[in-house]
Protein backbone atom coordinates (compact mmCIF):
# COMPACT_ATOMS: atom_id res chain seq x y z
CA MET A 1 70.44 23.48 11.06
CA GLY A 2 68.19 20.74 12.78
CA LYS A 3 68.61 18.91 15.77
CA LYS A 4 71.97 20.05 16.82
CA PHE A 5 71.41 23.81 16.56
CA MET A 6 67.95 23.47 18.49
CA GLU A 7 69.96 21.32 21.16
CA GLU A 8 73.07 24.37 21.14
CA LEU A 9 70.50 26.89 21.25
CA SER A 10 68.76 25.30 24.22
CA LEU A 11 71.60 25.02 26.23
CA ILE A 12 73.01 28.81 25.47
CA SER A 13 69.54 30.27 25.93
CA GLU A 14 69.31 28.53 29.62
CA GLU A 15 72.72 29.55 30.59
CA ARG A 16 72.37 33.45 29.25
CA LEU A 17 68.85 34.26 29.63
CA SER A 18 67.66 31.20 32.32
CA LEU A 19 64.61 30.61 29.90
CA SER A 20 63.06 27.82 32.21
CA LYS A 21 61.88 30.55 34.44
CA VAL A 22 60.19 32.04 31.83
CA LYS A 23 56.46 32.36 31.79
CA ARG A 24 55.86 32.65 27.96
CA LEU A 25 58.17 31.97 25.42
CA LEU A 26 57.18 32.37 21.62
CA PHE A 27 59.15 31.37 19.01
CA GLY A 28 58.42 32.51 15.16
CA GLY A 29 59.84 30.81 12.38
CA ASP A 30 58.70 29.81 8.48
CA GLY A 31 57.21 26.77 9.21
CA ASP A 32 60.02 24.50 8.50
CA SER A 33 59.73 21.06 10.22
CA TRP A 34 62.86 21.06 11.77
CA ILE A 35 62.26 24.14 13.58
CA ILE A 36 58.78 23.28 14.71
CA SER A 37 60.02 19.72 15.89
CA GLY A 38 62.97 21.63 17.70
CA ILE A 39 60.74 24.02 19.71
CA LYS A 40 58.88 20.89 20.68
CA ASP A 41 61.52 18.74 21.92
CA TYR A 42 63.82 21.35 23.12
CA PHE A 43 61.43 24.14 24.41
CA SER A 44 58.47 22.42 25.00
CA SER A 45 56.62 25.14 27.04
CA ALA A 46 56.88 27.38 24.12
CA VAL A 47 54.25 28.50 21.52
CA TYR A 48 55.44 28.37 18.05
CA LEU A 49 54.29 31.25 15.38
CA LEU A 50 54.32 31.03 11.91
CA SER A 51 55.67 34.25 10.71
CA LEU A 52 52.93 36.34 8.75
CA TYR A 53 55.62 37.34 5.97
CA HIS A 54 56.59 33.76 5.56
CA LEU A 55 53.05 32.56 5.37
CA PHE A 56 52.18 35.14 2.43
CA GLN A 57 55.57 33.83 0.49
CA LYS A 58 54.04 30.57 0.58
CA ILE A 59 50.64 31.58 -0.69
CA ARG A 60 52.52 33.81 -3.58
CA GLU A 61 54.60 30.66 -4.23
CA ALA A 62 51.59 28.22 -4.51
CA LEU A 63 49.04 30.61 -6.17
CA GLY A 64 51.77 32.15 -8.67
CA ARG A 65 48.98 31.78 -11.38
CA ARG A 66 46.17 32.92 -9.32
CA LYS A 67 46.78 36.49 -8.62
CA GLU A 68 43.28 37.68 -7.65
CA GLU A 69 43.07 34.76 -5.33
CA GLN A 70 46.15 35.41 -4.16
CA LYS A 71 45.25 38.87 -2.96
CA ALA A 72 41.74 37.41 -1.92
CA VAL A 73 43.48 35.21 0.95
CA LYS A 74 45.96 37.62 1.73
CA ASP A 75 43.09 40.31 2.40
CA LEU A 76 41.32 37.72 4.36
CA LEU A 77 44.03 36.58 6.64
CA LEU A 78 44.73 40.66 7.23
CA SER A 79 41.30 41.13 8.37
CA ASP A 80 41.33 38.18 10.75
CA GLN A 81 38.92 36.30 8.55
CA ILE A 82 41.22 32.92 8.59
CA ASP A 83 38.39 30.46 8.33
CA LYS A 84 37.17 32.37 5.16
CA GLY A 85 40.94 32.30 3.51
CA LEU A 86 40.79 28.38 4.60
CA SER A 87 37.24 27.89 2.51
CA THR A 88 38.99 29.70 -0.39
CA ILE A 89 42.24 27.66 -0.47
CA ASP A 90 39.68 24.63 0.18
CA GLN A 91 37.68 25.20 -3.06
CA MET A 92 40.72 25.80 -4.90
CA ILE A 93 42.04 22.35 -4.03
CA ARG A 94 39.03 21.26 -5.39
CA ASN A 95 39.35 22.40 -8.77
CA PRO A 96 43.10 23.05 -9.24
CA TYR A 97 45.11 23.76 -12.42
CA ASP A 98 47.26 20.53 -12.03
CA LEU A 99 48.28 18.19 -9.19
CA LYS A 100 51.65 20.13 -8.53
CA GLU A 101 49.15 23.61 -7.63
CA LYS A 102 46.74 20.90 -5.66
CA ASP A 103 49.80 19.87 -3.67
CA ASN A 104 50.89 23.48 -3.16
CA LEU A 105 47.28 24.27 -2.10
CA ASN A 106 47.32 21.42 0.67
CA LYS A 107 50.62 22.77 1.87
CA ILE A 108 49.14 26.34 2.19
CA ASN A 109 46.00 24.87 4.03
CA ILE A 110 48.61 23.32 6.46
CA PHE A 111 50.49 26.36 7.01
CA MET A 112 47.03 28.48 7.32
CA LEU A 113 46.01 25.87 10.10
CA ILE A 114 49.16 26.35 11.96
CA TYR A 115 49.13 30.23 11.73
CA GLN A 116 45.20 30.02 12.92
CA ASN A 117 46.04 27.72 16.06
CA ASN A 118 48.98 29.48 16.90
CA GLU A 119 47.76 33.29 17.26
CA PRO A 120 49.28 34.98 20.39
């Protein structure tokens, strides 16, 4: 994983697929920083797309005690109301159960912004 993997992937993909000639290259992933930075370093013209599945997984983890809010945020994302989903998360950040939940909510906020900014 990490930098070595992305370097090798870029070399193999160029050799086999000539990716430098592709007009639009999309990469999907789970939001891990090594993937995002590797794409920037080795596939600079590519667009990173956060997987909706992984975003939902992170929402489930962060909102484990808040089942209703979890469903509400997911429904907002599915209906393409990302701004409202972000507002809902912001409200929960102001009133977290504890510091761990606040930290998780801040992470979800970042992941949702990544998702919003990289929609195809």
